[in-house]
Amino acid sequence: MQSTGQEATSYKILAQRIKTLLALLRSPIGLTLLTLILLSFGLIFWFSPQALNYLQHKFNQRFVFFSLSEPFLAMLKFSVVCLVILFFPLVWLGVISTLDALLSLPKRLFLLFFIFGVILFYIGVLFAYFVILPYGVQFLLSFQTEEIKPAISLEHFANFFGFFLLLFGAIFELPLMMIFLTMIKVLNPQKLSKYRKEIFFFIVVFSAVITPTPDAINMSLLAIPLYLLFEAGLFLSKRLA
């Protein structure tokens, strides 16, 4: 009965937070923020041809398109990804606020969740951009021959680029995800620590599947940081358990 009462209280707090958020969006601050987001999207979309052209030269390729609408759709998707990355602190603040409504996080823990969540996300994005994607693209393009030359679709590249940036940003949130699951009693860090070998094997397999190349070097570039993040999440979960 006590658990049911706590859940009801949490849902009431969450409903109140949602009402507060809707009121904030209708306020001058919310309208100013919305205007800033729309202006940012417009600027990103306006300069997306130059950005895609830079990426074209960075990877030493020439993008092509196969339909009249493909350039517009590619720039649209690219702009959305860049907008999400740019305003991720706001997105993460919304996520943390929801957790706070459900778990009543202490102010210090709320602040730590927010700061480290933003830092880990941007580390993941930068890691994907500077490490994983260059190796991955270079490896995939190595299959070209004198008879087979690459013709990379602009939209497919925008999908590929955006997917890996956001994916690695999310993957690097692993320690915080583990802490959250521990706080809601879904994860038991003491029991989880007994399965380190199995988890390491799963991380290696996951890294082999998710990285764009099957070689051991590129796989290790993800597997090693991911396992270190797991150990960090396990250590912090034990402290909070």
Foldseek 3Di string as FASTA:
>chain_A
DVVVVLQVQLVVLLVVVVVVVVVCCVDPNNVVVVVVLVVQLVVQLVCLVVVLVVVCVVLVHDEDADDPCQVVLLSNLLSVLVSCLVVVLVVQLVVLVSLCSNQVDDPVVSVVLSVVLNVLLVVQLVCCVPPQVSVLSVVVQVPADPVRHDHHHSNVVSVVSSVRNRVSSVLSCVLVVLLSCLSVVNDDLVVVVVCLVVVLVVLLVVLCVPGNDNDPVSSCSRSVVSSVSVVNSSVVNVVVD
